[in-house]
Amino acid sequence: MDTVSYPTAHQEAITITKRLTRQQSRELTREQLLQAAAELFAEHGVNGTSVEQIVEHAGYTRGAFYGNFEGKHQLVLALLDQHTQRELEEMQQLSLDAGSFDDLMEHLRSWYRQRDETLGSWLALRTELWLYGLRDPELLPVLADRERRSRAALAQALEQGFAARSVAPPAPVEFLALVMYSLGDGLSIQRVLCPEDSDIDTVANAIELLMRSWSALSRNPAPAEEASRPSPGRPTTKGRTPSIEKPEKNP
């Protein structure tokens, strides 16, 4: 049995006490290049990071890089896919582990606490990938698909949360997921910019407040004459949501 050492993105060595196959070795190299790129993108930006910096940070050569990626653009796509898949798996696991509404909220709270440990770098990387996509029309649909997949996973978790409380959602879960997803993004930004104005549980507390409010709303439906009106957030035509009627002004 061979002992082989492989450098990580932090220039430390991982000792593996078994012979790696060619495929395993390539997968390890690819993973460490992606990790190195993620760290550098968060610190210097996508456009401010070169292939040479990535391979140096990961402890590999340009040949190793181009053996896994055609160029930096393909690496960015791979990084987007990796982070999307990871978040989807985490969200799905939250739903699987939650046997009740309280369980779901406790798991969600724990998940946000773990994210808070690296929130600044996570948000910096995500913002850099957004900016990179906004400047490249071909990448924008990839970013949009990433957001939709994440919201779909959240919608599934919300549906299970309402079912656990034996109530029907007050609006389509897709719309509620959009609201909650956007709220999480906004509060995360505020957490990084103004840490003294929030704490580690702010996002989870806001989500729990929303869920309890929506559940209460479902238990107290509107009068019969209101029932025929479209629910907030339910599209009346593709891509449009009904506006909320404003009270008439007194003459």
C-alpha atoms as a PDB file:
ATOM      1  CA  MET A   1       0.000   0.000   0.000  1.00  0.00           C
ATOM      2  CA  ASP A   2       1.452   3.342  -1.055  1.00  0.00           C
ATOM      3  CA  THR A   3       1.402   6.604   0.865  1.00  0.00           C
ATOM      4  CA  VAL A   4       0.797   9.597  -1.390  1.00  0.00           C
ATOM      5  CA  SER A   5       0.659  13.259  -0.328  1.00  0.00           C
ATOM      6  CA  TYR A   6      -1.466  15.773  -2.214  1.00  0.00           C
ATOM      7  CA  PRO A   7      -1.390  19.556  -1.569  1.00  0.00           C
ATOM      8  CA  THR A   8      -4.621  21.328  -0.708  1.00  0.00           C
ATOM      9  CA  ALA A   9      -5.628  24.849  -1.679  1.00  0.00           C
ATOM     10  CA  HIS A  10      -3.944  26.021   1.546  1.00  0.00           C
ATOM     11  CA  GLN A  11      -0.635  24.372   0.619  1.00  0.00           C
ATOM     12  CA  GLU A  12      -1.079  21.736   3.313  1.00  0.00           C
ATOM     13  CA  ALA A  13      -0.607  18.057   2.581  1.00  0.00           C
ATOM     14  CA  ILE A  14      -3.255  15.357   2.671  1.00  0.00           C
ATOM     15  CA  THR A  15      -1.753  11.934   3.235  1.00  0.00           C
ATOM     16  CA  ILE A  16      -3.668   9.149   1.563  1.00  0.00           C
ATOM     17  CA  THR A  17      -2.625   5.650   2.531  1.00  0.00           C
ATOM     18  CA  LYS A  18      -3.838   3.916  -0.581  1.00  0.00           C
ATOM     19  CA  ARG A  19      -3.077   3.965  -4.261  1.00  0.00           C
ATOM     20  CA  LEU A  20      -5.355   6.325  -6.144  1.00  0.00           C
ATOM     21  CA  THR A  21      -6.674   5.374  -9.528  1.00  0.00           C
ATOM     22  CA  ARG A  22      -6.048   7.749 -12.406  1.00  0.00           C
ATOM     23  CA  GLN A  23      -9.684   8.906 -12.211  1.00  0.00           C
ATOM     24  CA  GLN A  24      -9.542   9.479  -8.439  1.00  0.00           C
ATOM     25  CA  SER A  25      -6.345  11.485  -8.791  1.00  0.00           C
ATOM     26  CA  ARG A  26      -7.904  13.650 -11.494  1.00  0.00           C
ATOM     27  CA  GLU A  27     -11.043  14.246  -9.392  1.00  0.00           C
ATOM     28  CA  LEU A  28      -8.891  15.280  -6.423  1.00  0.00           C
ATOM     29  CA  THR A  29      -6.933  17.703  -8.597  1.00  0.00           C
ATOM     30  CA  ARG A  30     -10.130  19.164 -10.028  1.00  0.00           C
ATOM     31  CA  GLU A  31     -11.642  19.626  -6.559  1.00  0.00           C
ATOM     32  CA  GLN A  32      -8.573  21.404  -5.233  1.00  0.00           C
ATOM     33  CA  LEU A  33      -8.397  23.698  -8.259  1.00  0.00           C
ATOM     34  CA  LEU A  34     -12.041  24.637  -7.732  1.00  0.00           C
ATOM     35  CA  GLN A  35     -11.428  25.302  -4.049  1.00  0.00           C
ATOM     36  CA  ALA A  36      -8.404  27.465  -4.820  1.00  0.00           C
ATOM     37  CA  ALA A  37     -10.379  29.395  -7.444  1.00  0.00           C
ATOM     38  CA  ALA A  38     -13.281  29.966  -5.020  1.00  0.00           C
ATOM     39  CA  GLU A  39     -10.946  31.433  -2.412  1.00  0.00           C
ATOM     40  CA  LEU A  40      -9.190  33.702  -4.895  1.00  0.00           C
ATOM     41  CA  PHE A  41     -12.408  34.830  -6.604  1.00  0.00           C
ATOM     42  CA  ALA A  42     -13.841  35.839  -3.226  1.00  0.00           C
ATOM     43  CA  GLU A  43     -10.690  37.810  -2.417  1.00  0.00           C
ATOM     44  CA  HIS A  44      -9.699  39.312  -5.780  1.00  0.00           C
ATOM     45  CA  GLY A  45     -12.720  38.812  -8.042  1.00  0.00           C
ATOM     46  CA  VAL A  46     -13.080  36.585 -11.092  1.00  0.00           C
ATOM     47  CA  ASN A  47     -11.493  39.069 -13.479  1.00  0.00           C
ATOM     48  CA  GLY A  48      -8.776  39.867 -10.964  1.00  0.00           C
ATOM     49  CA  THR A  49      -7.650  36.241 -10.715  1.00  0.00           C
ATOM     50  CA  SER A  50      -5.452  34.561 -13.318  1.00  0.00           C
ATOM     51  CA  VAL A  51      -4.979  30.889 -14.139  1.00  0.00           C
ATOM     52  CA  GLU A  52      -1.394  31.218 -12.892  1.00  0.00           C
ATOM     53  CA  GLN A  53      -2.624  32.418  -9.494  1.00  0.00           C
ATOM     54  CA  ILE A  54      -5.101  29.556  -9.256  1.00  0.00           C
ATOM     55  CA  VAL A  55      -2.560  26.829  -9.992  1.00  0.00           C
ATOM     56  CA  GLU A  56      -0.012  28.407  -7.666  1.00  0.00           C
ATOM     57  CA  HIS A  57      -2.567  28.628  -4.845  1.00  0.00           C
ATOM     58  CA  ALA A  58      -3.607  25.015  -5.395  1.00  0.00           C
ATOM     59  CA  GLY A  59      -0.027  23.751  -5.744  1.00  0.00           C
ATOM     60  CA  TYR A  60      -0.366  22.440  -9.298  1.00  0.00           C
ATOM     61  CA  THR A  61       0.897  23.282 -12.768  1.00  0.00           C
ATOM     62  CA  ARG A  62      -0.805  24.901 -15.758  1.00  0.00           C
ATOM     63  CA  GLY A  63      -0.840  21.465 -17.339  1.00  0.00           C
ATOM     64  CA  ALA A  64      -2.934  20.126 -14.466  1.00  0.00           C
ATOM     65  CA  PHE A  65      -5.333  23.041 -14.871  1.00  0.00           C
ATOM     66  CA  TYR A  66      -5.823  22.605 -18.605  1.00  0.00           C
ATOM     67  CA  GLY A  67      -6.123  18.871 -18.118  1.00  0.00           C
ATOM     68  CA  ASN A  68      -9.351  19.592 -16.201  1.00  0.00           C
ATOM     69  CA  PHE A  69     -10.679  22.825 -17.700  1.00  0.00           C
ATOM     70  CA  GLU A  70     -10.535  24.409 -21.140  1.00  0.00           C
ATOM     71  CA  GLY A  71     -10.039  27.795 -19.504  1.00  0.00           C
ATOM     72  CA  LYS A  72     -11.141  30.037 -16.640  1.00  0.00           C
ATOM     73  CA  HIS A  73     -14.639  30.440 -18.083  1.00  0.00           C
ATOM     74  CA  GLN A  74     -15.226  26.676 -17.932  1.00  0.00           C
ATOM     75  CA  LEU A  75     -13.910  26.663 -14.363  1.00  0.00           C
ATOM     76  CA  VAL A  76     -16.437  29.357 -13.410  1.00  0.00           C
ATOM     77  CA  LEU A  77     -19.247  27.231 -14.881  1.00  0.00           C
ATOM     78  CA  ALA A  78     -18.016  24.188 -12.963  1.00  0.00           C
ATOM     79  CA  LEU A  79     -17.822  26.227  -9.750  1.00  0.00           C
ATOM     80  CA  LEU A  80     -21.372  27.496 -10.217  1.00  0.00           C
ATOM     81  CA  ASP A  81     -22.632  23.959 -10.775  1.00  0.00           C
ATOM     82  CA  GLN A  82     -20.729  22.641  -7.758  1.00  0.00           C
ATOM     83  CA  HIS A  83     -22.075  25.291  -5.381  1.00  0.00           C
ATOM     84  CA  THR A  84     -25.628  24.940  -6.708  1.00  0.00           C
ATOM     85  CA  GLN A  85     -25.582  21.174  -6.283  1.00  0.00           C
ATOM     86  CA  ARG A  86     -24.134  21.480  -2.791  1.00  0.00           C
ATOM     87  CA  GLU A  87     -26.820  23.931  -1.679  1.00  0.00           C
ATOM     88  CA  LEU A  88     -29.570  21.753  -3.187  1.00  0.00           C
ATOM     89  CA  GLU A  89     -28.298  18.702  -1.338  1.00  0.00           C
ATOM     90  CA  GLU A  90     -28.105  20.654   1.922  1.00  0.00           C
ATOM     91  CA  MET A  91     -31.655  21.985   1.501  1.00  0.00           C
ATOM     92  CA  GLN A  92     -33.010  18.538   0.611  1.00  0.00           C
ATOM     93  CA  GLN A  93     -31.261  17.051   3.639  1.00  0.00           C
ATOM     94  CA  LEU A  94     -32.904  19.665   5.855  1.00  0.00           C
ATOM     95  CA  SER A  95     -36.312  18.498   4.631  1.00  0.00           C
ATOM     96  CA  LEU A  96     -35.469  14.833   5.110  1.00  0.00           C
ATOM     97  CA  ASP A  97     -34.199  15.344   8.665  1.00  0.00           C
ATOM     98  CA  ALA A  98     -37.200  17.395   9.759  1.00  0.00           C
ATOM     99  CA  GLY A  99     -40.008  15.319  11.219  1.00  0.00           C
ATOM    100  CA  SER A 100     -42.013  18.354  12.332  1.00  0.00           C
ATOM    101  CA  PHE A 101     -42.180  22.107  11.834  1.00  0.00           C
ATOM    102  CA  ASP A 102     -40.095  22.706  14.958  1.00  0.00           C
ATOM    103  CA  ASP A 103     -37.511  20.187  13.721  1.00  0.00           C
ATOM    104  CA  LEU A 104     -37.345  21.960  10.358  1.00  0.00           C
ATOM    105  CA  MET A 105     -36.782  25.338  12.004  1.00  0.00           C
ATOM    106  CA  GLU A 106     -34.116  23.946  14.323  1.00  0.00           C
ATOM    107  CA  HIS A 107     -32.228  22.336  11.427  1.00  0.00           C
ATOM    108  CA  LEU A 108     -32.571  25.551   9.410  1.00  0.00           C
ATOM    109  CA  ARG A 109     -31.269  27.586  12.332  1.00  0.00           C
ATOM    110  CA  SER A 110     -28.252  25.266  12.657  1.00  0.00           C
ATOM    111  CA  TRP A 111     -27.612  25.525   8.900  1.00  0.00           C
ATOM    112  CA  TYR A 112     -27.586  29.333   8.974  1.00  0.00           C
ATOM    113  CA  ARG A 113     -25.302  29.332  12.017  1.00  0.00           C
ATOM    114  CA  GLN A 114     -22.771  27.221  10.126  1.00  0.00           C
ATOM    115  CA  ARG A 115     -23.016  29.510   7.106  1.00  0.00           C
ATOM    116  CA  ASP A 116     -22.492  32.550   9.334  1.00  0.00           C
ATOM    117  CA  GLU A 117     -18.954  31.325  10.095  1.00  0.00           C
ATOM    118  CA  THR A 118     -17.910  32.003   6.487  1.00  0.00           C
ATOM    119  CA  LEU A 119     -20.701  34.357   5.452  1.00  0.00           C
ATOM    120  CA  GLY A 120     -18.395  37.120   4.249  1.00  0.00           C
ATOM    121  CA  SER A 121     -16.403  34.917   1.866  1.00  0.00           C
ATOM    122  CA  TRP A 122     -19.558  33.069   0.736  1.00  0.00           C
ATOM    123  CA  LEU A 123     -21.312  36.336  -0.103  1.00  0.00           C
ATOM    124  CA  ALA A 124     -18.206  37.746  -1.814  1.00  0.00           C
ATOM    125  CA  LEU A 125     -17.906  34.660  -4.023  1.00  0.00           C
ATOM    126  CA  ARG A 126     -21.597  34.653  -4.857  1.00  0.00           C
ATOM    127  CA  THR A 127     -21.525  38.355  -5.736  1.00  0.00           C
ATOM    128  CA  GLU A 128     -18.474  37.866  -7.953  1.00  0.00           C
ATOM    129  CA  LEU A 129     -20.199  35.047  -9.828  1.00  0.00           C
ATOM    130  CA  TRP A 130     -23.290  37.243 -10.269  1.00  0.00           C
ATOM    131  CA  LEU A 131     -21.208  40.094 -11.660  1.00  0.00           C
ATOM    132  CA  TYR A 132     -19.353  37.747 -13.979  1.00  0.00           C
ATOM    133  CA  GLY A 133     -22.671  36.436 -15.282  1.00  0.00           C
ATOM    134  CA  LEU A 134     -24.182  39.895 -15.723  1.00  0.00           C
ATOM    135  CA  ARG A 135     -21.256  40.842 -17.953  1.00  0.00           C
ATOM    136  CA  ASP A 136     -21.609  37.689 -20.053  1.00  0.00           C
ATOM    137  CA  PRO A 137     -25.047  37.271 -21.708  1.00  0.00           C
ATOM    138  CA  GLU A 138     -24.317  33.591 -22.397  1.00  0.00           C
ATOM    139  CA  LEU A 139     -23.773  32.898 -18.703  1.00  0.00           C
ATOM    140  CA  LEU A 140     -26.842  34.776 -17.471  1.00  0.00           C
ATOM    141  CA  PRO A 141     -29.261  31.879 -18.221  1.00  0.00           C
ATOM    142  CA  VAL A 142     -26.973  29.581 -16.229  1.00  0.00           C
ATOM    143  CA  LEU A 143     -27.205  31.917 -13.243  1.00  0.00           C
ATOM    144  CA  ALA A 144     -30.983  32.152 -13.634  1.00  0.00           C
ATOM    145  CA  ASP A 145     -31.273  28.363 -13.710  1.00  0.00           C
ATOM    146  CA  ARG A 146     -29.167  28.173 -10.553  1.00  0.00           C
ATOM    147  CA  GLU A 147     -31.514  30.552  -8.749  1.00  0.00           C
ATOM    148  CA  ARG A 148     -34.623  28.691  -9.927  1.00  0.00           C
ATOM    149  CA  ARG A 149     -33.272  25.338  -8.772  1.00  0.00           C
ATOM    150  CA  SER A 150     -32.426  26.731  -5.346  1.00  0.00           C
ATOM    151  CA  ARG A 151     -35.877  28.322  -5.016  1.00  0.00           C
ATOM    152  CA  ALA A 152     -37.542  25.094  -6.124  1.00  0.00           C
ATOM    153  CA  ALA A 153     -35.749  23.197  -3.346  1.00  0.00           C
ATOM    154  CA  LEU A 154     -36.871  25.855  -0.858  1.00  0.00           C
ATOM    155  CA  ALA A 155     -40.448  25.639  -2.160  1.00  0.00           C
ATOM    156  CA  GLN A 156     -40.398  21.894  -1.518  1.00  0.00           C
ATOM    157  CA  ALA A 157     -39.173  22.477   2.038  1.00  0.00           C
ATOM    158  CA  LEU A 158     -41.914  25.084   2.581  1.00  0.00           C
ATOM    159  CA  GLU A 159     -44.550  22.699   1.320  1.00  0.00           C
ATOM    160  CA  GLN A 160     -43.386  20.105   3.826  1.00  0.00           C
ATOM    161  CA  GLY A 161     -43.357  22.746   6.561  1.00  0.00           C
ATOM    162  CA  PHE A 162     -46.977  23.692   5.907  1.00  0.00           C
ATOM    163  CA  ALA A 163     -47.961  20.025   5.739  1.00  0.00           C
ATOM    164  CA  ALA A 164     -46.277  19.432   9.097  1.00  0.00           C
ATOM    165  CA  ARG A 165     -48.501  22.146  10.577  1.00  0.00           C
ATOM    166  CA  SER A 166     -51.575  20.767   8.770  1.00  0.00           C
ATOM    167  CA  VAL A 167     -52.283  24.043   6.992  1.00  0.00           C
ATOM    168  CA  ALA A 168     -52.485  25.051   3.355  1.00  0.00           C
ATOM    169  CA  PRO A 169     -50.081  27.764   2.159  1.00  0.00           C
ATOM    170  CA  PRO A 170     -51.756  31.189   1.818  1.00  0.00           C
ATOM    171  CA  ALA A 171     -50.235  31.629  -1.658  1.00  0.00           C
ATOM    172  CA  PRO A 172     -48.397  29.424  -4.164  1.00  0.00           C
ATOM    173  CA  VAL A 173     -45.305  27.959  -2.501  1.00  0.00           C
ATOM    174  CA  GLU A 174     -43.228  29.092  -5.488  1.00  0.00           C
ATOM    175  CA  PHE A 175     -44.091  32.718  -4.693  1.00  0.00           C
ATOM    176  CA  LEU A 176     -43.499  32.210  -0.955  1.00  0.00           C
ATOM    177  CA  ALA A 177     -40.123  30.636  -1.746  1.00  0.00           C
ATOM    178  CA  LEU A 178     -39.204  33.675  -3.868  1.00  0.00           C
ATOM    179  CA  VAL A 179     -40.081  35.992  -0.959  1.00  0.00           C
ATOM    180  CA  MET A 180     -38.160  33.921   1.578  1.00  0.00           C
ATOM    181  CA  TYR A 181     -35.157  33.409  -0.712  1.00  0.00           C
ATOM    182  CA  SER A 182     -34.930  37.145  -1.399  1.00  0.00           C
ATOM    183  CA  LEU A 183     -35.309  37.925   2.303  1.00  0.00           C
ATOM    184  CA  GLY A 184     -32.448  35.572   3.128  1.00  0.00           C
ATOM    185  CA  ASP A 185     -30.223  37.233   0.537  1.00  0.00           C
ATOM    186  CA  GLY A 186     -31.027  40.725   1.792  1.00  0.00           C
ATOM    187  CA  LEU A 187     -30.507  39.890   5.457  1.00  0.00           C
ATOM    188  CA  SER A 188     -27.231  38.133   4.651  1.00  0.00           C
ATOM    189  CA  ILE A 189     -25.976  41.278   2.934  1.00  0.00           C
ATOM    190  CA  GLN A 190     -27.005  43.378   5.943  1.00  0.00           C
ATOM    191  CA  ARG A 191     -25.342  40.882   8.279  1.00  0.00           C
ATOM    192  CA  VAL A 192     -22.011  41.368   6.485  1.00  0.00           C
ATOM    193  CA  LEU A 193     -22.290  45.139   6.043  1.00  0.00           C
ATOM    194  CA  CYS A 194     -23.782  45.957   9.468  1.00  0.00           C
ATOM    195  CA  PRO A 195     -22.922  43.048  11.813  1.00  0.00           C
ATOM    196  CA  GLU A 196     -23.744  45.124  14.887  1.00  0.00           C
ATOM    197  CA  ASP A 197     -27.388  45.413  13.726  1.00  0.00           C
ATOM    198  CA  SER A 198     -28.067  41.667  13.561  1.00  0.00           C
ATOM    199  CA  ASP A 199     -26.959  38.402  15.097  1.00  0.00           C
ATOM    200  CA  ILE A 200     -26.266  34.842  14.045  1.00  0.00           C
ATOM    201  CA  ASP A 201     -29.969  33.868  14.216  1.00  0.00           C
ATOM    202  CA  THR A 202     -31.450  36.884  12.412  1.00  0.00           C
ATOM    203  CA  VAL A 203     -32.190  35.077   9.144  1.00  0.00           C
ATOM    204  CA  ALA A 204     -33.621  32.001  10.873  1.00  0.00           C
ATOM    205  CA  ASN A 205     -35.742  34.190  13.170  1.00  0.00           C
ATOM    206  CA  ALA A 206     -37.116  36.116  10.182  1.00  0.00           C
ATOM    207  CA  ILE A 207     -37.942  32.893   8.336  1.00  0.00           C
ATOM    208  CA  GLU A 208     -39.670  31.429  11.399  1.00  0.00           C
ATOM    209  CA  LEU A 209     -41.686  34.629  11.796  1.00  0.00           C
ATOM    210  CA  LEU A 210     -42.776  34.418   8.178  1.00  0.00           C
ATOM    211  CA  MET A 211     -43.730  30.748   8.459  1.00  0.00           C
ATOM    212  CA  ARG A 212     -45.769  31.305  11.622  1.00  0.00           C
ATOM    213  CA  SER A 213     -47.459  34.358  10.103  1.00  0.00           C
ATOM    214  CA  TRP A 214     -48.297  32.504   6.907  1.00  0.00           C
ATOM    215  CA  SER A 215     -49.619  29.550   8.912  1.00  0.00           C
ATOM    216  CA  ALA A 216     -51.810  31.857  10.992  1.00  0.00           C
ATOM    217  CA  LEU A 217     -53.073  33.515   7.813  1.00  0.00           C
ATOM    218  CA  SER A 218     -54.013  30.102   6.440  1.00  0.00           C
ATOM    219  CA  ARG A 219     -56.015  29.326   9.585  1.00  0.00           C
ATOM    220  CA  ASN A 220     -57.952  32.592   9.205  1.00  0.00           C
ATOM    221  CA  PRO A 221     -59.072  32.715   5.574  1.00  0.00           C
ATOM    222  CA  ALA A 222     -60.558  35.840   4.055  1.00  0.00           C
ATOM    223  CA  PRO A 223     -64.370  36.311   3.890  1.00  0.00           C
ATOM    224  CA  ALA A 224     -66.266  34.469   1.178  1.00  0.00           C
ATOM    225  CA  GLU A 225     -66.460  37.478  -1.123  1.00  0.00           C
ATOM    226  CA  GLU A 226     -62.637  37.662  -1.065  1.00  0.00           C
ATOM    227  CA  ALA A 227     -62.192  34.029  -2.053  1.00  0.00           C
ATOM    228  CA  SER A 228     -62.636  34.662  -5.764  1.00  0.00           C
ATOM    229  CA  ARG A 229     -59.804  37.187  -5.869  1.00  0.00           C
ATOM    230  CA  PRO A 230     -56.405  35.912  -7.058  1.00  0.00           C
ATOM    231  CA  SER A 231     -53.964  35.132  -4.274  1.00  0.00           C
ATOM    232  CA  PRO A 232     -50.999  37.499  -3.889  1.00  0.00           C
ATOM    233  CA  GLY A 233     -48.158  36.223  -5.982  1.00  0.00           C
ATOM    234  CA  ARG A 234     -50.313  33.948  -8.149  1.00  0.00           C
ATOM    235  CA  PRO A 235     -49.681  34.942 -11.768  1.00  0.00           C
ATOM    236  CA  THR A 236     -52.774  36.076 -13.659  1.00  0.00           C
ATOM    237  CA  THR A 237     -50.819  35.835 -16.889  1.00  0.00           C
ATOM    238  CA  LYS A 238     -47.390  34.387 -17.527  1.00  0.00           C
ATOM    239  CA  GLY A 239     -44.698  36.392 -15.797  1.00  0.00           C
ATOM    240  CA  ARG A 240     -47.120  38.825 -14.098  1.00  0.00           C
ATOM    241  CA  THR A 241     -48.583  38.932 -10.607  1.00  0.00           C
ATOM    242  CA  PRO A 242     -51.748  40.779  -9.665  1.00  0.00           C
ATOM    243  CA  SER A 243     -51.254  44.167  -8.096  1.00  0.00           C
ATOM    244  CA  ILE A 244     -52.681  44.971  -4.682  1.00  0.00           C
ATOM    245  CA  GLU A 245     -55.617  47.309  -4.938  1.00  0.00           C
ATOM    246  CA  LYS A 246     -55.022  50.720  -3.398  1.00  0.00           C
ATOM    247  CA  PRO A 247     -57.810  52.420  -1.401  1.00  0.00           C
ATOM    248  CA  GLU A 248     -59.604  55.181  -3.214  1.00  0.00           C
ATOM    249  CA  LYS A 249     -58.731  58.714  -2.154  1.00  0.00           C
ATOM    250  CA  ASN A 250     -61.485  60.882  -0.747  1.00  0.00           C
ATOM    251  CA  PRO A 251     -62.365  63.773  -3.037  1.00  0.00           C
END
